[in-house]
Amino acid sequence: MNRLTRSAFILGAVWLMTYARAGRVDLQGVGQLRVVVEDLRPEVEAMIARETIKSAVELRLRQTGISLADDDSRPSDYLYINLAAIEPTGTALWAFSLRVAFFECGVTHTRDGTACAGVWETSDMATAGRADFIESVRTAVLEVVDSFLRGRFGERIAVRSRARAPAQPEQE
C-alpha cells in the first residue's frame, strides 16, 4: 500500500469513528452527576419552581440508575438546564426555550484546579397556554433528558417508575 492510500485509509477511519460517535455521550466512568438549573425569572418561578424542574430531572436520573452527587463543593460532572420564558403582550401563550447540556469535569486541569467541558448539548423552543405551561415545560425537560440518556445507553434505557400492567388474576 503506498503512502497516499495508507493516509487516505487512516483519515477515513478517523472520520468514520468520529461520525459514528456524533450525538452520543460517553458516560463510562462517570461516577455521579449533579443537576444544575439556572435561576428563573420571577414571573416564571411563580409558575414553575426551579426546584420542581431539578427534582424531576434528578428523579429521572435515579430511575435509570445514575447516582447523584451530594456535595456541591467537589467538581463533578453535571447536567445543566436553562429555561427562559416570556408571555408576549396580547397573547394567551407563553413562549419558552430550553437548553440542556452535559458537562464533564476533570477532562482538563488548569492552574486553578479542574476544568469542566461541555460534551453534549441540545435546545428546544415551544409555546404553551398558561394552563398547560407547567406540564409542557416538565414534558419538554424530561424528553430532552431521555434523549441525552438514550444517546449513551441506546434503547437499553428503562425508566423503572413507569407503570406496570396490572397483574392478571390467576386462572383456575
N, C-alpha and C. Protein backbone atom coordinates (compact mmCIF):
# COMPACT_ATOMS: atom_id res chain seq x y z
N MET A 1 0.85 -1.16 0.00
CA MET A 1 0.00 0.00 0.00
C MET A 1 0.90 1.23 0.00
N ASN A 2 0.66 2.13 -0.93
CA ASN A 2 1.51 3.32 -0.95
C ASN A 2 1.09 4.31 0.14
N ARG A 3 1.91 5.33 0.34
CA ARG A 3 1.73 6.30 1.43
C ARG A 3 0.40 7.04 1.29
N LEU A 4 0.03 7.44 0.08
CA LEU A 4 -1.21 8.19 -0.14
C LEU A 4 -2.43 7.32 0.20
N THR A 5 -2.43 6.09 -0.22
CA THR A 5 -3.54 5.18 0.06
C THR A 5 -3.64 4.94 1.57
N ARG A 6 -2.51 4.73 2.21
CA ARG A 6 -2.48 4.49 3.65
C ARG A 6 -3.01 5.71 4.41
N SER A 7 -2.61 6.90 4.00
CA SER A 7 -3.08 8.13 4.64
C SER A 7 -4.58 8.31 4.46
N ALA A 8 -5.06 8.05 3.26
CA ALA A 8 -6.50 8.17 2.99
C ALA A 8 -7.28 7.17 3.84
N PHE A 9 -6.75 5.96 3.98
CA PHE A 9 -7.40 4.93 4.79
C PHE A 9 -7.47 5.37 6.25
N ILE A 10 -6.39 5.88 6.79
CA ILE A 10 -6.35 6.32 8.19
C ILE A 10 -7.31 7.49 8.40
N LEU A 11 -7.28 8.48 7.50
CA LEU A 11 -8.20 9.61 7.62
C LEU A 11 -9.66 9.15 7.54
N GLY A 12 -9.94 8.22 6.65
CA GLY A 12 -11.29 7.69 6.53
C GLY A 12 -11.73 6.98 7.80
N ALA A 13 -10.83 6.21 8.40
CA ALA A 13 -11.16 5.50 9.64
C ALA A 13 -11.42 6.48 10.77
N VAL A 14 -10.59 7.52 10.88
CA VAL A 14 -10.79 8.54 11.91
C VAL A 14 -12.13 9.25 11.69
N TRP A 15 -12.42 9.62 10.44
CA TRP A 15 -13.68 10.28 10.14
C TRP A 15 -14.86 9.39 10.50
N LEU A 16 -14.78 8.10 10.16
CA LEU A 16 -15.86 7.16 10.45
C LEU A 16 -16.08 7.02 11.94
N MET A 17 -15.01 6.92 12.73
CA MET A 17 -15.15 6.81 14.18
C MET A 17 -15.79 8.07 14.74
N THR A 18 -15.40 9.21 14.25
CA THR A 18 -15.96 10.47 14.73
C THR A 18 -17.42 10.58 14.34
N TYR A 19 -17.74 10.25 13.10
CA TYR A 19 -19.11 10.33 12.62
C TYR A 19 -20.01 9.37 13.38
N ALA A 20 -19.51 8.18 13.67
CA ALA A 20 -20.31 7.18 14.37
C ALA A 20 -20.62 7.62 15.80
N ARG A 21 -19.75 8.43 16.41
CA ARG A 21 -19.97 8.88 17.78
C ARG A 21 -20.75 10.18 17.86
N ALA A 22 -21.00 10.83 16.74
CA ALA A 22 -21.69 12.12 16.77
C ALA A 22 -23.04 11.97 17.46
N GLY A 23 -23.32 12.87 18.38
CA GLY A 23 -24.59 12.85 19.08
C GLY A 23 -24.64 11.86 20.23
N ARG A 24 -23.56 11.15 20.46
CA ARG A 24 -23.55 10.18 21.56
C ARG A 24 -22.69 10.71 22.68
N VAL A 25 -23.11 10.43 23.90
CA VAL A 25 -22.39 10.86 25.08
C VAL A 25 -21.84 9.61 25.75
N ASP A 26 -20.59 9.64 26.10
CA ASP A 26 -19.98 8.50 26.76
C ASP A 26 -19.99 8.73 28.26
N LEU A 27 -20.81 7.98 28.97
CA LEU A 27 -20.88 8.12 30.43
C LEU A 27 -20.04 7.06 31.13
N GLN A 28 -19.21 6.32 30.37
CA GLN A 28 -18.31 5.38 31.00
C GLN A 28 -17.45 6.12 32.01
N GLY A 29 -17.37 5.62 33.20
CA GLY A 29 -16.51 6.22 34.21
C GLY A 29 -17.12 7.40 34.94
N VAL A 30 -18.30 7.84 34.53
CA VAL A 30 -18.94 8.93 35.26
C VAL A 30 -19.48 8.35 36.55
N GLY A 31 -18.95 8.86 37.67
CA GLY A 31 -19.38 8.34 38.95
C GLY A 31 -20.72 8.88 39.36
N GLN A 32 -20.80 10.18 39.52
CA GLN A 32 -22.02 10.80 39.97
C GLN A 32 -22.26 12.07 39.17
N LEU A 33 -23.51 12.43 39.04
CA LEU A 33 -23.88 13.65 38.33
C LEU A 33 -24.54 14.63 39.29
N ARG A 34 -24.40 15.89 38.97
CA ARG A 34 -25.17 16.93 39.63
C ARG A 34 -26.14 17.48 38.60
N VAL A 35 -27.25 18.03 39.07
CA VAL A 35 -28.19 18.70 38.19
C VAL A 35 -28.14 20.17 38.58
N VAL A 36 -27.86 21.02 37.59
CA VAL A 36 -27.78 22.46 37.82
C VAL A 36 -28.87 23.10 36.97
N VAL A 37 -29.80 23.79 37.65
CA VAL A 37 -30.85 24.50 36.94
C VAL A 37 -30.60 25.99 37.13
N GLU A 38 -30.47 26.69 36.02
CA GLU A 38 -30.22 28.13 36.05
C GLU A 38 -31.40 28.84 36.73
N ASP A 39 -31.11 29.94 37.42
CA ASP A 39 -32.17 30.73 38.05
C ASP A 39 -33.19 31.15 37.00
N LEU A 40 -34.46 31.18 37.42
CA LEU A 40 -35.55 31.57 36.54
C LEU A 40 -35.98 33.00 36.83
N ARG A 41 -36.55 33.65 35.83
CA ARG A 41 -37.11 34.98 36.05
C ARG A 41 -38.25 34.86 37.06
N PRO A 42 -38.49 35.88 37.88
CA PRO A 42 -39.52 35.79 38.93
C PRO A 42 -40.90 35.38 38.43
N GLU A 43 -41.34 35.90 37.27
CA GLU A 43 -42.67 35.54 36.78
C GLU A 43 -42.73 34.07 36.32
N VAL A 44 -41.60 33.51 35.91
CA VAL A 44 -41.55 32.10 35.54
C VAL A 44 -41.47 31.25 36.81
N GLU A 45 -40.65 31.67 37.75
CA GLU A 45 -40.52 30.96 39.03
C GLU A 45 -41.87 30.89 39.75
N ALA A 46 -42.71 31.90 39.57
CA ALA A 46 -44.03 31.91 40.20
C ALA A 46 -44.93 30.80 39.63
N MET A 47 -44.65 30.39 38.38
CA MET A 47 -45.46 29.35 37.74
C MET A 47 -44.87 27.96 37.93
N ILE A 48 -43.56 27.84 37.81
CA ILE A 48 -42.90 26.55 37.98
C ILE A 48 -41.58 26.80 38.70
N ALA A 49 -41.47 26.26 39.87
CA ALA A 49 -40.28 26.50 40.69
C ALA A 49 -39.06 25.81 40.10
N ARG A 50 -37.93 26.45 40.22
CA ARG A 50 -36.65 25.91 39.77
C ARG A 50 -36.42 24.54 40.41
N GLU A 51 -36.76 24.43 41.68
CA GLU A 51 -36.57 23.18 42.42
C GLU A 51 -37.45 22.05 41.87
N THR A 52 -38.61 22.39 41.32
CA THR A 52 -39.50 21.40 40.72
C THR A 52 -38.84 20.77 39.49
N ILE A 53 -38.22 21.60 38.67
CA ILE A 53 -37.52 21.11 37.48
C ILE A 53 -36.36 20.23 37.91
N LYS A 54 -35.57 20.71 38.86
CA LYS A 54 -34.41 19.97 39.34
C LYS A 54 -34.82 18.61 39.91
N SER A 55 -35.86 18.59 40.72
CA SER A 55 -36.32 17.33 41.32
C SER A 55 -36.79 16.33 40.28
N ALA A 56 -37.52 16.81 39.26
CA ALA A 56 -38.00 15.92 38.20
C ALA A 56 -36.83 15.29 37.44
N VAL A 57 -35.81 16.08 37.14
CA VAL A 57 -34.64 15.57 36.42
C VAL A 57 -33.86 14.60 37.30
N GLU A 58 -33.65 14.95 38.56
CA GLU A 58 -32.92 14.06 39.47
C GLU A 58 -33.65 12.73 39.62
N LEU A 59 -34.97 12.76 39.71
CA LEU A 59 -35.73 11.52 39.80
C LEU A 59 -35.54 10.67 38.55
N ARG A 60 -35.59 11.30 37.37
CA ARG A 60 -35.41 10.54 36.13
C ARG A 60 -34.02 9.91 36.08
N LEU A 61 -32.99 10.65 36.50
CA LEU A 61 -31.63 10.10 36.51
C LEU A 61 -31.53 8.92 37.47
N ARG A 62 -32.11 9.06 38.66
CA ARG A 62 -32.08 7.95 39.63
C ARG A 62 -32.82 6.73 39.09
N GLN A 63 -33.95 6.96 38.41
CA GLN A 63 -34.73 5.86 37.85
C GLN A 63 -33.95 5.07 36.81
N THR A 64 -32.98 5.68 36.18
CA THR A 64 -32.17 4.98 35.18
C THR A 64 -30.86 4.46 35.75
N GLY A 65 -30.70 4.58 37.08
CA GLY A 65 -29.53 4.01 37.73
C GLY A 65 -28.34 4.94 37.86
N ILE A 66 -28.50 6.21 37.56
CA ILE A 66 -27.41 7.16 37.69
C ILE A 66 -27.45 7.75 39.09
N SER A 67 -26.31 7.71 39.78
CA SER A 67 -26.27 8.27 41.13
C SER A 67 -25.97 9.76 41.06
N LEU A 68 -26.48 10.47 42.06
CA LEU A 68 -26.34 11.92 42.10
C LEU A 68 -25.32 12.32 43.13
N ALA A 69 -24.56 13.36 42.82
CA ALA A 69 -23.55 13.87 43.74
C ALA A 69 -24.24 14.65 44.86
N ASP A 70 -23.80 14.41 46.09
CA ASP A 70 -24.38 15.10 47.24
C ASP A 70 -23.64 16.39 47.56
N ASP A 71 -22.36 16.42 47.27
CA ASP A 71 -21.50 17.52 47.70
C ASP A 71 -21.22 18.46 46.54
N ASP A 72 -21.73 19.69 46.62
CA ASP A 72 -21.50 20.68 45.55
C ASP A 72 -20.11 21.29 45.59
N SER A 73 -19.35 21.04 46.66
CA SER A 73 -18.03 21.67 46.78
C SER A 73 -16.98 20.98 45.90
N ARG A 74 -17.19 19.70 45.60
CA ARG A 74 -16.25 18.98 44.73
C ARG A 74 -16.70 19.09 43.28
N PRO A 75 -15.78 19.25 42.35
CA PRO A 75 -16.20 19.27 40.94
C PRO A 75 -16.72 17.90 40.54
N SER A 76 -17.89 17.87 39.96
CA SER A 76 -18.41 16.61 39.43
C SER A 76 -19.14 16.93 38.13
N ASP A 77 -19.28 15.92 37.30
CA ASP A 77 -19.97 16.08 36.04
C ASP A 77 -21.40 16.56 36.32
N TYR A 78 -21.94 17.36 35.41
CA TYR A 78 -23.28 17.86 35.69
C TYR A 78 -24.10 18.05 34.43
N LEU A 79 -25.40 17.97 34.64
CA LEU A 79 -26.38 18.23 33.61
C LEU A 79 -26.91 19.63 33.89
N TYR A 80 -26.74 20.53 32.93
CA TYR A 80 -27.09 21.94 33.08
C TYR A 80 -28.40 22.21 32.34
N ILE A 81 -29.33 22.87 33.02
CA ILE A 81 -30.63 23.16 32.43
C ILE A 81 -30.90 24.65 32.51
N ASN A 82 -31.26 25.23 31.37
CA ASN A 82 -31.59 26.65 31.31
C ASN A 82 -32.95 26.78 30.65
N LEU A 83 -33.88 27.40 31.38
CA LEU A 83 -35.23 27.63 30.87
C LEU A 83 -35.47 29.13 30.83
N ALA A 84 -35.86 29.63 29.68
CA ALA A 84 -36.21 31.04 29.54
C ALA A 84 -37.63 31.08 28.96
N ALA A 85 -38.47 31.93 29.54
CA ALA A 85 -39.85 32.00 29.07
C ALA A 85 -40.35 33.44 29.11
N ILE A 86 -41.22 33.74 28.17
CA ILE A 86 -41.86 35.07 28.13
C ILE A 86 -43.33 34.89 27.77
N GLU A 87 -44.13 35.83 28.20
CA GLU A 87 -45.53 35.87 27.81
C GLU A 87 -45.70 37.11 26.94
N PRO A 88 -45.71 36.93 25.63
CA PRO A 88 -45.84 38.10 24.76
C PRO A 88 -47.14 38.85 25.03
N THR A 89 -47.07 40.17 24.99
CA THR A 89 -48.23 41.01 25.23
C THR A 89 -49.32 40.71 24.20
N GLY A 90 -50.54 40.61 24.70
CA GLY A 90 -51.68 40.42 23.80
C GLY A 90 -51.91 39.00 23.35
N THR A 91 -51.23 38.03 23.96
CA THR A 91 -51.45 36.63 23.60
C THR A 91 -51.78 35.84 24.85
N ALA A 92 -52.35 34.69 24.64
CA ALA A 92 -52.66 33.80 25.76
C ALA A 92 -51.60 32.70 25.87
N LEU A 93 -50.51 32.85 25.13
CA LEU A 93 -49.48 31.82 25.10
C LEU A 93 -48.20 32.29 25.79
N TRP A 94 -47.49 31.35 26.33
CA TRP A 94 -46.12 31.57 26.81
C TRP A 94 -45.20 30.92 25.80
N ALA A 95 -44.11 31.59 25.49
CA ALA A 95 -43.07 31.01 24.64
C ALA A 95 -41.90 30.65 25.56
N PHE A 96 -41.33 29.47 25.37
CA PHE A 96 -40.18 29.12 26.19
C PHE A 96 -39.10 28.44 25.38
N SER A 97 -37.88 28.66 25.82
CA SER A 97 -36.74 27.96 25.23
C SER A 97 -36.06 27.17 26.32
N LEU A 98 -35.54 26.05 25.93
CA LEU A 98 -34.93 25.12 26.87
C LEU A 98 -33.58 24.72 26.33
N ARG A 99 -32.57 24.80 27.17
CA ARG A 99 -31.22 24.36 26.80
C ARG A 99 -30.76 23.37 27.85
N VAL A 100 -30.31 22.21 27.42
CA VAL A 100 -29.78 21.19 28.32
C VAL A 100 -28.40 20.80 27.80
N ALA A 101 -27.42 20.79 28.71
CA ALA A 101 -26.05 20.46 28.32
C ALA A 101 -25.44 19.54 29.37
N PHE A 102 -24.55 18.67 28.93
CA PHE A 102 -23.81 17.79 29.84
C PHE A 102 -22.37 18.26 29.88
N PHE A 103 -21.88 18.54 31.08
CA PHE A 103 -20.51 18.99 31.29
C PHE A 103 -19.74 17.91 32.03
N GLU A 104 -18.59 17.57 31.48
CA GLU A 104 -17.72 16.57 32.08
C GLU A 104 -16.56 17.29 32.75
N CYS A 105 -16.36 17.02 34.02
CA CYS A 105 -15.30 17.68 34.77
C CYS A 105 -14.09 16.75 34.89
N GLY A 106 -12.94 17.35 35.01
CA GLY A 106 -11.72 16.57 35.13
C GLY A 106 -11.12 16.18 33.80
N VAL A 107 -11.72 16.65 32.71
CA VAL A 107 -11.20 16.36 31.38
C VAL A 107 -9.85 17.05 31.21
N THR A 108 -9.76 18.28 31.70
CA THR A 108 -8.51 19.01 31.66
C THR A 108 -8.27 19.63 33.03
N HIS A 109 -7.06 19.99 33.27
CA HIS A 109 -6.70 20.62 34.54
C HIS A 109 -6.06 21.97 34.24
N THR A 110 -6.37 22.93 35.08
CA THR A 110 -5.79 24.26 34.93
C THR A 110 -4.97 24.56 36.18
N ARG A 111 -4.32 25.70 36.17
CA ARG A 111 -3.57 26.11 37.36
C ARG A 111 -4.46 26.22 38.58
N ASP A 112 -5.71 26.60 38.34
CA ASP A 112 -6.65 26.80 39.44
C ASP A 112 -7.38 25.53 39.85
N GLY A 113 -7.17 24.45 39.18
CA GLY A 113 -7.84 23.20 39.53
C GLY A 113 -8.38 22.49 38.32
N THR A 114 -9.49 21.81 38.52
CA THR A 114 -10.11 21.01 37.48
C THR A 114 -11.06 21.85 36.64
N ALA A 115 -11.03 21.64 35.36
CA ALA A 115 -11.93 22.37 34.46
C ALA A 115 -13.00 21.42 33.95
N CYS A 116 -14.15 21.97 33.62
CA CYS A 116 -15.26 21.19 33.06
C CYS A 116 -15.44 21.59 31.60
N ALA A 117 -15.82 20.62 30.79
CA ALA A 117 -16.02 20.88 29.36
C ALA A 117 -17.38 20.36 28.94
N GLY A 118 -18.10 21.15 28.16
CA GLY A 118 -19.38 20.71 27.62
C GLY A 118 -19.15 19.67 26.54
N VAL A 119 -19.78 18.50 26.69
CA VAL A 119 -19.59 17.42 25.71
C VAL A 119 -20.87 17.03 24.99
N TRP A 120 -21.99 17.60 25.43
CA TRP A 120 -23.27 17.32 24.77
C TRP A 120 -24.20 18.48 25.06
N GLU A 121 -25.00 18.86 24.07
CA GLU A 121 -25.93 19.97 24.28
C GLU A 121 -27.06 19.88 23.27
N THR A 122 -28.23 20.28 23.71
CA THR A 122 -29.37 20.40 22.81
C THR A 122 -30.26 21.52 23.32
N SER A 123 -31.11 22.01 22.45
CA SER A 123 -32.04 23.05 22.86
C SER A 123 -33.35 22.87 22.11
N ASP A 124 -34.38 23.50 22.65
CA ASP A 124 -35.70 23.37 22.07
C ASP A 124 -36.49 24.63 22.37
N MET A 125 -37.47 24.92 21.55
CA MET A 125 -38.37 26.06 21.78
C MET A 125 -39.79 25.56 21.59
N ALA A 126 -40.71 26.14 22.37
CA ALA A 126 -42.11 25.74 22.26
C ALA A 126 -43.00 26.85 22.81
N THR A 127 -44.28 26.67 22.61
CA THR A 127 -45.26 27.58 23.21
C THR A 127 -46.27 26.74 23.97
N ALA A 128 -46.89 27.38 24.95
CA ALA A 128 -47.91 26.70 25.75
C ALA A 128 -48.83 27.73 26.34
N GLY A 129 -50.09 27.35 26.50
CA GLY A 129 -51.03 28.21 27.19
C GLY A 129 -50.69 28.27 28.67
N ARG A 130 -51.17 29.30 29.35
CA ARG A 130 -50.88 29.47 30.77
C ARG A 130 -51.26 28.21 31.57
N ALA A 131 -52.42 27.64 31.26
CA ALA A 131 -52.90 26.47 32.00
C ALA A 131 -52.02 25.24 31.75
N ASP A 132 -51.40 25.15 30.58
CA ASP A 132 -50.59 23.99 30.23
C ASP A 132 -49.10 24.21 30.42
N PHE A 133 -48.71 25.39 30.85
CA PHE A 133 -47.30 25.76 30.88
C PHE A 133 -46.46 24.79 31.72
N ILE A 134 -46.88 24.51 32.94
CA ILE A 134 -46.09 23.65 33.84
C ILE A 134 -45.89 22.27 33.24
N GLU A 135 -46.96 21.66 32.77
CA GLU A 135 -46.84 20.31 32.21
C GLU A 135 -46.04 20.33 30.91
N SER A 136 -46.19 21.38 30.10
CA SER A 136 -45.43 21.48 28.85
C SER A 136 -43.94 21.58 29.12
N VAL A 137 -43.56 22.40 30.10
CA VAL A 137 -42.14 22.54 30.45
C VAL A 137 -41.61 21.22 31.01
N ARG A 138 -42.34 20.63 31.93
CA ARG A 138 -41.91 19.36 32.55
C ARG A 138 -41.72 18.29 31.47
N THR A 139 -42.68 18.18 30.56
CA THR A 139 -42.59 17.18 29.49
C THR A 139 -41.38 17.46 28.59
N ALA A 140 -41.19 18.71 28.21
CA ALA A 140 -40.06 19.07 27.34
C ALA A 140 -38.73 18.76 28.01
N VAL A 141 -38.60 19.10 29.29
CA VAL A 141 -37.35 18.84 30.01
C VAL A 141 -37.08 17.34 30.06
N LEU A 142 -38.08 16.55 30.43
CA LEU A 142 -37.86 15.11 30.56
C LEU A 142 -37.62 14.44 29.20
N GLU A 143 -38.23 14.94 28.14
CA GLU A 143 -37.95 14.39 26.81
C GLU A 143 -36.50 14.64 26.41
N VAL A 144 -35.98 15.82 26.72
CA VAL A 144 -34.59 16.12 26.40
C VAL A 144 -33.64 15.28 27.26
N VAL A 145 -33.96 15.12 28.53
CA VAL A 145 -33.13 14.28 29.41
C VAL A 145 -33.15 12.84 28.92
N ASP A 146 -34.32 12.34 28.53
CA ASP A 146 -34.40 10.98 27.98
C ASP A 146 -33.57 10.86 26.70
N SER A 147 -33.58 11.88 25.87
CA SER A 147 -32.77 11.88 24.66
C SER A 147 -31.29 11.80 25.01
N PHE A 148 -30.88 12.56 26.01
CA PHE A 148 -29.50 12.52 26.50
C PHE A 148 -29.14 11.11 26.97
N LEU A 149 -30.03 10.51 27.75
CA LEU A 149 -29.76 9.18 28.28
C LEU A 149 -29.73 8.12 27.17
N ARG A 150 -30.66 8.21 26.21
CA ARG A 150 -30.65 7.26 25.09
C ARG A 150 -29.40 7.43 24.24
N GLY A 151 -28.88 8.66 24.16
CA GLY A 151 -27.65 8.90 23.41
C GLY A 151 -26.50 8.09 23.95
N ARG A 152 -26.54 7.79 25.23
CA ARG A 152 -25.48 6.99 25.84
C ARG A 152 -25.84 5.52 25.91
N PHE A 153 -27.04 5.24 26.35
CA PHE A 153 -27.43 3.86 26.62
C PHE A 153 -28.22 3.22 25.50
N GLY A 154 -28.56 3.99 24.48
CA GLY A 154 -29.35 3.45 23.38
C GLY A 154 -30.72 3.02 23.87
N GLU A 155 -31.27 2.03 23.26
CA GLU A 155 -32.61 1.57 23.63
C GLU A 155 -32.60 0.73 24.90
N ARG A 156 -31.42 0.49 25.47
CA ARG A 156 -31.35 -0.29 26.71
C ARG A 156 -31.89 0.48 27.90
N ILE A 157 -32.08 1.79 27.74
CA ILE A 157 -32.54 2.60 28.86
C ILE A 157 -33.95 2.19 29.25
N ALA A 158 -34.18 2.05 30.51
CA ALA A 158 -35.51 1.71 31.02
C ALA A 158 -35.76 2.55 32.26
N VAL A 159 -36.83 3.28 32.25
CA VAL A 159 -37.19 4.08 33.41
C VAL A 159 -38.00 3.18 34.32
N ARG A 160 -37.49 2.94 35.51
CA ARG A 160 -38.08 1.95 36.41
C ARG A 160 -39.44 2.34 36.95
N SER A 161 -39.78 3.61 36.97
CA SER A 161 -41.02 4.01 37.61
C SER A 161 -42.23 3.94 36.69
N ARG A 162 -42.04 3.62 35.45
CA ARG A 162 -43.18 3.55 34.54
C ARG A 162 -44.18 2.53 35.06
N ALA A 163 -45.42 2.85 34.90
CA ALA A 163 -46.48 1.99 35.44
C ALA A 163 -46.40 0.60 34.82
N ARG A 164 -46.58 -0.38 35.66
CA ARG A 164 -46.60 -1.76 35.17
C ARG A 164 -48.04 -2.15 34.90
N ALA A 165 -48.20 -3.08 34.00
CA ALA A 165 -49.55 -3.58 33.73
C ALA A 165 -50.07 -4.27 34.98
N PRO A 166 -51.35 -4.11 35.27
CA PRO A 166 -51.89 -4.77 36.47
C PRO A 166 -51.76 -6.27 36.34
N ALA A 167 -51.54 -6.90 37.47
CA ALA A 167 -51.40 -8.36 37.48
C ALA A 167 -52.72 -8.99 37.06
N GLN A 168 -52.63 -10.00 36.24
CA GLN A 168 -53.82 -10.73 35.79
C GLN A 168 -54.19 -11.76 36.84
N PRO A 169 -55.48 -11.90 37.11
CA PRO A 169 -55.88 -12.93 38.09
C PRO A 169 -55.51 -14.30 37.56
N GLU A 170 -55.11 -15.14 38.47
CA GLU A 170 -54.72 -16.50 38.07
C GLU A 170 -55.93 -17.28 37.61
N GLN A 171 -55.75 -18.05 36.57
CA GLN A 171 -56.82 -18.90 36.04
C GLN A 171 -56.81 -20.21 36.80
N GLU A 172 -57.96 -20.67 37.17
CA GLU A 172 -58.02 -21.96 37.90
C GLU A 172 -58.33 -23.08 36.97
